[in-house]
Every structure is written in C-alpha cells, then in structure tokens.
Protein backbone atom coordinates (compact mmCIF):
# COMPACT_ATOMS: atom_id res chain seq x y z
CA UNK A 1 45.71 -231.54 26.22
CA UNK A 2 44.69 -230.59 29.74
CA UNK A 3 42.73 -227.35 30.07
CA UNK A 4 43.90 -225.62 33.24
CA UNK A 5 41.79 -222.94 34.93
CA UNK A 6 44.18 -221.18 37.28
CA UNK A 7 42.88 -217.60 37.54
CA UNK A 8 40.71 -216.48 40.44
CA UNK A 9 37.20 -215.61 39.29
CA UNK A 10 37.57 -217.24 35.85
CA UNK A 11 34.37 -218.11 34.00
CA UNK A 12 34.27 -221.34 31.96
CA UNK A 13 31.37 -221.81 29.57
CA UNK A 14 30.45 -223.42 26.27
CA UNK A 15 30.29 -221.73 22.91
CA UNK A 16 29.40 -224.12 20.11
CA UNK A 17 31.84 -227.02 20.28
CA UNK A 18 34.39 -225.00 22.21
CA UNK A 19 35.20 -224.30 25.83
CA UNK A 20 35.66 -220.59 26.46
CA UNK A 21 37.46 -219.28 29.53
CA UNK A 22 36.94 -215.64 30.40
CA UNK A 23 38.99 -213.72 32.96
CA UNK A 24 39.22 -210.01 33.75
CA UNK A 25 41.85 -209.35 31.10
CA UNK A 26 41.64 -212.12 28.52
CA UNK A 27 39.48 -214.70 26.75
CA UNK A 28 40.71 -218.15 25.77
CA UNK A 29 38.85 -220.59 23.51
CA UNK A 30 39.61 -224.21 22.62
CA UNK A 31 37.75 -227.01 20.82
CA UNK A 32 36.43 -229.76 23.07
CA UNK A 33 38.05 -232.26 20.67
CA UNK A 34 41.48 -231.05 21.80
CA UNK A 35 40.79 -231.35 25.55
CA UNK A 36 41.42 -234.57 27.50
CA UNK A 37 40.60 -233.18 30.94
CA UNK A 38 39.82 -229.90 32.71
CA UNK A 39 41.76 -228.93 35.83
CA UNK A 40 40.37 -226.21 38.09
CA UNK A 41 42.80 -225.04 40.76
CA UNK A 42 41.18 -221.84 42.02
CA UNK A 43 37.81 -220.22 42.69
CA UNK A 44 36.04 -220.23 39.31
CA UNK A 45 32.61 -220.55 37.71
CA UNK A 46 31.58 -223.22 35.24
CA UNK A 47 28.24 -223.53 33.43
CA UNK A 48 26.16 -226.69 33.24
CA UNK A 49 26.40 -226.52 29.43
CA UNK A 50 30.20 -226.75 29.71
CA UNK A 51 29.89 -229.66 32.14
CA UNK A 52 27.46 -231.46 29.81
CA UNK A 53 29.79 -231.06 26.82
CA UNK A 54 32.71 -232.33 28.88
CA UNK A 55 30.83 -235.46 29.95
CA UNK A 56 29.58 -236.11 26.42
CA UNK A 57 33.20 -236.04 25.20
CA UNK A 58 34.64 -238.24 27.97
CA UNK A 59 36.39 -235.23 29.54
CA UNK A 60 36.65 -235.28 33.32
CA UNK A 61 36.63 -232.09 35.38
CA UNK A 62 39.06 -232.24 38.29
CA UNK A 63 39.19 -229.81 41.21
CA UNK A 64 42.56 -229.56 42.99
CA UNK A 65 43.56 -227.77 46.18
CA UNK A 66 46.52 -225.43 46.70
CA UNK A 67 48.87 -228.42 46.86
CA UNK A 68 47.71 -229.87 43.54
CA UNK A 69 45.81 -232.70 45.24
CA UNK A 70 42.46 -233.62 43.64
CA UNK A 71 39.56 -233.17 46.06
CA UNK A 72 36.69 -233.65 43.61
CA UNK A 73 35.89 -234.83 40.10
CA UNK A 74 32.92 -234.57 37.74
CA UNK A 75 32.73 -237.72 35.66
CA UNK A 76 30.06 -239.62 33.77
CA UNK A 77 28.31 -242.31 35.86
CA UNK A 78 29.21 -245.28 33.63
CA UNK A 79 31.67 -247.84 34.92
CA UNK A 80 34.46 -248.77 32.56
CA UNK A 81 34.44 -252.32 31.18
CA UNK A 82 33.29 -255.36 33.15
CA UNK A 83 32.80 -256.01 36.87
CA UNK A 84 34.99 -259.10 36.43
CA UNK A 85 38.05 -256.85 36.52
CA UNK A 86 37.15 -255.46 39.94
CA UNK A 87 36.37 -258.94 41.24
CA UNK A 88 39.80 -260.12 40.09
CA UNK A 89 41.42 -257.17 41.85
CA UNK A 90 39.89 -258.34 45.11
CA UNK A 91 40.78 -261.99 44.48
CA UNK A 92 44.49 -261.53 43.80
CA UNK A 93 45.25 -258.59 46.08
CA UNK A 94 46.47 -260.91 48.84
CA UNK A 95 47.97 -263.71 46.74
CA UNK A 96 51.48 -264.35 45.35
CA UNK A 97 50.17 -262.93 42.05
CA UNK A 98 49.35 -259.68 43.83
CA UNK A 99 52.84 -259.57 45.34
CA UNK A 100 54.35 -260.05 41.89
CA UNK A 101 52.45 -257.01 40.59
CA UNK A 102 53.39 -254.88 43.60
CA UNK A 103 57.07 -255.77 43.26
CA UNK A 104 56.98 -255.01 39.55
CA UNK A 105 55.77 -251.46 40.26
CA UNK A 106 58.32 -250.85 43.02
CA UNK A 107 61.17 -252.16 40.84
CA UNK A 108 60.02 -249.90 38.02
CA UNK A 109 60.24 -246.95 40.40
CA UNK A 110 63.81 -247.90 41.40
CA UNK A 111 64.88 -248.44 37.80
CA UNK A 112 63.38 -245.11 36.76
CA UNK A 113 65.32 -243.34 39.52
CA UNK A 114 68.56 -245.08 38.59
CA UNK A 115 68.18 -244.26 34.90
CA UNK A 116 67.38 -240.63 35.71
CA UNK A 117 70.53 -240.33 37.83
CA UNK A 118 72.51 -241.82 34.96
CA UNK A 119 71.15 -239.14 32.62
CA UNK A 120 72.04 -236.45 35.14
CA UNK A 121 75.53 -237.93 35.40
CA UNK A 122 76.04 -237.54 31.64
CA UNK A 123 75.47 -233.78 31.85
CA UNK A 124 77.51 -233.38 35.04
CA UNK A 125 80.81 -235.21 34.38
CA UNK A 126 82.53 -233.34 37.21
CA UNK A 127 80.08 -235.01 39.65
CA UNK A 128 80.33 -238.46 38.05
CA UNK A 129 81.92 -240.29 41.00
CA UNK A 130 79.43 -238.81 43.46
CA UNK A 131 76.40 -239.67 41.33
CA UNK A 132 77.77 -243.17 40.64
CA UNK A 133 77.96 -243.74 44.38
CA UNK A 134 74.27 -242.90 44.77
CA UNK A 135 73.37 -245.16 41.83
CA UNK A 136 75.23 -248.08 43.38
CA UNK A 137 73.49 -247.53 46.72
CA UNK A 138 70.09 -247.60 44.99
CA UNK A 139 71.00 -250.76 43.08
CA UNK A 140 72.04 -252.49 46.32
CA UNK A 141 68.82 -251.48 48.08
CA UNK A 142 66.69 -252.62 45.13
CA UNK A 143 68.40 -256.03 45.16
CA UNK A 144 66.72 -256.69 48.54
CA UNK A 145 63.41 -257.03 46.71
CA UNK A 146 64.60 -260.18 44.93
CA UNK A 147 64.35 -262.31 48.06
CA UNK A 148 60.68 -261.60 48.76
CA UNK A 149 57.96 -264.19 48.22
CA UNK A 150 54.56 -265.28 49.58
CA UNK A 151 51.92 -262.50 49.72
CA UNK A 152 51.79 -258.73 49.97
CA UNK A 153 50.39 -259.01 53.49
CA UNK A 154 53.50 -260.94 54.57
CA UNK A 155 55.94 -258.58 52.84
CA UNK A 156 54.25 -255.17 53.02
CA UNK A 157 56.33 -253.83 55.89
CA UNK A 158 59.57 -255.03 54.32
CA UNK A 159 58.72 -253.53 50.91
CA UNK A 160 57.78 -250.20 52.48
CA UNK A 161 61.06 -250.20 54.41
CA UNK A 162 63.06 -250.88 51.27
CA UNK A 163 61.16 -248.15 49.43
CA UNK A 164 61.85 -245.72 52.24
CA UNK A 165 65.57 -246.48 52.25
CA UNK A 166 65.75 -246.03 48.49
CA UNK A 167 63.79 -242.79 48.64
CA UNK A 168 66.17 -241.27 51.17
CA UNK A 169 69.18 -242.08 48.98
CA UNK A 170 67.51 -240.88 45.79
CA UNK A 171 66.34 -237.53 47.16
CA UNK A 172 69.66 -236.98 48.88
CA UNK A 173 71.23 -237.35 45.43
CA UNK A 174 68.81 -234.88 43.84
CA UNK A 175 69.34 -232.34 46.62
CA UNK A 176 73.11 -232.60 46.23
CA UNK A 177 72.75 -231.69 42.54
CA UNK A 178 70.51 -228.67 43.11
CA UNK A 179 71.75 -225.08 43.18
CA UNK A 180 72.38 -223.95 46.76
CA UNK A 181 69.12 -221.97 46.88
CA UNK A 182 67.02 -225.03 46.11
CA UNK A 183 68.73 -227.75 48.14
CA UNK A 184 66.34 -229.58 50.46
CA UNK A 185 66.36 -232.01 53.36
CA UNK A 186 64.54 -235.08 52.04
CA UNK A 187 60.90 -235.50 51.04
CA UNK A 188 58.27 -233.37 52.72
CA UNK A 189 54.63 -233.53 51.84
CA UNK A 190 51.83 -231.06 52.28
CA UNK A 191 52.74 -228.53 53.30
CA UNK A 192 56.21 -228.82 51.79
CA UNK A 193 59.11 -227.58 53.91
CA UNK A 194 60.93 -226.20 50.87
CA UNK A 195 60.38 -224.94 47.35
CA UNK A 196 61.60 -228.10 45.60
CA UNK A 197 59.06 -230.30 47.39
CA UNK A 198 56.22 -227.83 46.88
CA UNK A 199 56.74 -228.12 43.10
CA UNK A 200 57.12 -231.88 43.29
CA UNK A 201 53.96 -232.27 45.39
CA UNK A 202 51.96 -230.22 42.90
CA UNK A 203 53.07 -232.39 39.96
CA UNK A 204 52.39 -235.56 41.94
CA UNK A 205 48.89 -234.27 42.64
CA UNK A 206 48.24 -233.84 38.92
CA UNK A 207 49.54 -237.37 38.30
CA UNK A 208 47.13 -238.75 40.89
CA UNK A 209 44.18 -237.32 38.97
CA UNK A 210 45.47 -238.66 35.63
CA UNK A 211 45.99 -242.15 37.04
CA UNK A 212 42.58 -242.27 38.71
CA UNK A 213 40.93 -241.33 35.42
CA UNK A 214 42.91 -244.01 33.56
CA UNK A 215 41.85 -246.62 36.13
CA UNK A 216 38.18 -245.73 35.72
CA UNK A 217 38.34 -245.87 31.92
CA UNK A 218 40.12 -249.25 32.03
CA UNK A 219 37.52 -250.68 34.42
CA UNK A 220 39.86 -250.85 37.40
CA UNK A 221 38.66 -249.88 40.86
CA UNK A 222 40.97 -247.07 42.07
CA UNK A 223 40.16 -248.00 45.68
CA UNK A 224 41.32 -251.63 45.56
CA UNK A 225 45.09 -251.59 45.93
CA UNK A 226 47.78 -254.20 46.36
CA UNK A 227 50.75 -252.72 48.18
CA UNK A 228 48.87 -249.82 49.74
CA UNK A 229 46.22 -251.05 52.13
CA UNK A 230 42.56 -250.10 51.88
CA UNK A 231 41.56 -247.02 53.85
CA UNK A 232 38.27 -245.16 53.85
CA UNK A 233 38.05 -242.90 50.79
CA UNK A 234 41.69 -243.54 49.80
CA UNK A 235 42.39 -244.61 46.17
CA UNK A 236 44.89 -247.33 47.10
CA UNK A 237 45.44 -248.57 43.54
CA UNK A 238 46.27 -245.02 42.43
CA UNK A 239 48.89 -244.88 45.20
CA UNK A 240 50.31 -248.17 43.89
CA UNK A 241 50.39 -247.20 40.21
CA UNK A 242 51.85 -243.73 40.63
CA UNK A 243 55.20 -245.33 41.51
CA UNK A 244 55.61 -246.06 37.79
CA UNK A 245 55.28 -242.39 36.83
CA UNK A 246 56.65 -240.23 39.64
CA UNK A 247 59.89 -239.94 37.71
CA UNK A 248 58.18 -237.70 35.14
CA UNK A 249 57.37 -235.14 37.83
CA UNK A 250 60.90 -235.45 39.23
CA UNK A 251 62.43 -234.82 35.82
CA UNK A 252 60.27 -231.77 35.09
CA UNK A 253 61.07 -230.12 38.43
CA UNK A 254 64.80 -230.88 38.30
CA UNK A 255 65.09 -229.62 34.73
CA UNK A 256 63.17 -226.42 35.48
CA UNK A 257 65.50 -225.62 38.36
CA UNK A 258 68.62 -226.64 36.46
CA UNK A 259 67.49 -224.44 33.57
CA UNK A 260 67.19 -221.45 35.94
CA UNK A 261 63.48 -221.11 35.17
CA UNK A 262 62.36 -221.12 38.80
CA UNK A 263 62.17 -217.89 40.78
CA UNK A 264 61.81 -217.44 44.52
CA UNK A 265 58.74 -215.30 43.74
CA UNK A 266 56.94 -218.47 42.63
CA UNK A 267 56.37 -219.51 46.25
CA UNK A 268 54.44 -218.26 49.26
CA UNK A 269 55.42 -218.98 52.82
CA UNK A 270 52.75 -220.47 55.04
CA UNK A 271 52.80 -221.42 58.72
CA UNK A 272 54.59 -224.75 58.24
CA UNK A 273 56.33 -224.42 54.91
CA UNK A 274 55.82 -223.33 51.30
CA UNK A 275 53.13 -223.48 48.65
CA UNK A 276 53.34 -222.79 44.95
CA UNK A 277 51.52 -219.59 44.04
CA UNK A 278 49.75 -218.66 40.82
CA UNK A 279 52.92 -217.23 39.25
CA UNK A 280 54.68 -220.52 39.97
CA UNK A 281 51.89 -222.81 38.80
CA UNK A 282 51.78 -221.36 35.29
CA UNK A 283 55.36 -222.27 34.20
CA UNK A 284 55.27 -225.56 36.10
CA UNK A 285 51.99 -226.71 34.55
CA UNK A 286 53.08 -225.48 31.11
CA UNK A 287 56.31 -227.47 31.32
CA UNK A 288 54.64 -230.53 32.84
CA UNK A 289 51.84 -230.67 30.25
CA UNK A 290 54.35 -230.23 27.42
CA UNK A 291 56.48 -233.03 28.87
CA UNK A 292 53.45 -235.32 29.21
CA UNK A 293 52.40 -234.57 25.63
CA UNK A 294 55.78 -235.69 24.26
CA UNK A 295 55.90 -239.06 22.46
CA UNK A 296 58.56 -241.56 23.54
CA UNK A 297 59.41 -245.14 22.59
CA UNK A 298 57.49 -247.47 24.90
CA UNK A 299 56.92 -251.21 24.54
CA UNK A 300 57.75 -251.16 20.85
CA UNK A 301 55.69 -248.15 19.85
CA UNK A 302 55.79 -244.36 19.89
CA UNK A 303 53.32 -243.10 22.47
CA UNK A 304 52.77 -239.89 24.39
CA UNK A 305 53.61 -240.08 28.07
CA UNK A 306 50.09 -239.05 29.05
CA UNK A 307 48.72 -241.97 27.00
CA UNK A 308 51.18 -244.44 28.54
CA UNK A 309 49.21 -244.27 31.79
CA UNK A 310 46.02 -245.33 30.02
CA UNK A 311 47.89 -247.94 28.00
CA UNK A 312 49.32 -249.48 31.20
CA UNK A 313 45.96 -249.48 32.98
CA UNK A 314 44.36 -251.35 30.09
CA UNK A 315 47.27 -253.83 30.16
CA UNK A 316 46.71 -254.38 33.88
CA UNK A 317 42.96 -254.84 33.43
CA UNK A 318 43.48 -257.35 30.63
CA UNK A 319 46.11 -259.17 32.66
CA UNK A 320 43.70 -259.53 35.57
CA UNK A 321 41.12 -261.28 33.38
CA UNK A 322 43.59 -263.36 31.41
CA UNK A 323 43.67 -261.30 28.20
CA UNK A 324 47.19 -259.97 28.52
CA UNK A 325 48.03 -260.47 24.84
CA UNK A 326 45.23 -258.09 23.90
CA UNK A 327 46.86 -255.25 25.85
CA UNK A 328 49.77 -254.61 23.49
C-alpha cells in the first residue's frame, strides 16, 4: 500500500520495523513490509531513521505539490538492471521500432477510453444513443493511426494531433455525463479551471510518481522517451507510459462523482481556478489507492493494478534487449 502523509505538521518516524505517523490528534502505525511507497503532500517532518528503513526496504519517498505533481523523491542510488536497456532506449527512439511502441501506447489509451464509455453506457441506458455517438467518433479518430509509418520524428505532430482530437471528444463525453454541478469545458491542467479537472490532475500526478518508480526498478531511463521529446528535467518516458493508465484515474473520479461522494467543500478557489484541499484529498486518495490495490485479469493472470505498471515496465525493458518471452 501507499502511505500518505497529508496532515500539516505530521511527524513520521521509525519504531522497530514500523513507520509511525504522529499528528496533533492521532497516531498511526504500519509495518514497513506493508508499504510500497510513501507520499508526502504537505509540510511534515521525517526522521533519518525512517528514511533509512524506507531505502532498505525498496520504498521510495515522494514529495508532491498541491496539484499532486511529484517535485522530489528519495530513492536508493542503485540503478535498476543493466545499462544495455538505456542504450537500447536511445537506439530505437527514432526508428520504426520506436514508432511501433509509441503507437501501441496511444492505441491502448484510445481503447481504454472506448471501453470505459461502453461501461458507462451499460449503466445509463437512457443515454445509450448519445454515448454510442461519442464511441463511434473515437473509433474513427483512432483509425487514423493505422496509416502511420516511418519514425516517431516524422509522425510526432500527426500523432499528437490525433490524440488531441480524441481527447476533446472523450472529455466532452465525460462532461455530458456529469451532474450539472460538475460539468466542465474540456481538459485544464494546473491550475484546473474546474473541480473535475482538479481531481483528475491530482490522480494523474500520483500515477506519474508510480510510473517513474516502476521505470527505475525495471532499469528504464524515465528521461528517454519516444513520443514525447526530450526536455531538460522532463521524464519523457513517464509521459509516454502514463497513456496506458490514465483511464484508472478517470474511472475513479467519474465513479466518485456519480456516487455522490464529492462535495463542493473539497475544493478551494485560487486566482486562476481550483485546487483540491485536504478534505478532498482524503476520500480521493482512499478511493484511488483501493482501486489500484484491486486485482484484475491481465495478460492471463490475476494482478493488482498497481503491480501492472511494474509488470509492463519489465516487459518493455525485456523487449528492448530481446528477452520479451521472459516478461510474461
């Protein structure tokens, strides 16, 4: 599980083989064996003993800002696996093989969105025709990817354009299905222009940190991407890979709102939009972590969603060095 420190002034320290979190009104204790990562999203104190135990147990400590974006991480200094993997990333990034990988991730994103809309259609039969129309639009846009060949460099602009067109249709569909109070006008990033996007951005931020960790463990370089170009201090591969998993954040946020579990008191207005406050982060993180801890059928096995990210990163690393059959 992910240990989340979300209370201002919290004190995280070690007691035996447990992490103990102390706040003004409560004390929480958990065995280090049950923790996969530690997320700190507010001003808090942490002892060096707690940091040492985390590193000894392969637990990363991630610091996120008010939007859920990771701005720092404490992690052991060992590189995962072999340097050959990172060399292969560089070698194929601008080859037809690199384009094939990039297209695979974008198609997965489209298929995830289409399947999610189909599930929403099942529970909203009175909106079936409307949702079907959005699904067909997405399918038509995705079909444009089939004609692409050559390298990512040659196709990057086209792929981004197709992604953008699909995103507008998909989020228009989600907004149409929201209660009137939570309808929104397309995607908006940080700061979000509405409550829906502030929740979505926060979940995406958590996913970024999970994917970066999975890349490091698998021996992948998070900063060598395929579709997303290299920029200073930007984890381009993380931006590429998150397309496979954004749907999990989408589903959590949509289901929370549909289940009437979201209150307007969960959000604070800022100069240019909205941010999720402490009262809003607690139910969102609780629901998201529970969702990620759920096992689903994936590639012929039952596996928790949070472990699927690591599983896929190992598959990618093995594929890069010609050991795809060893990846499951």
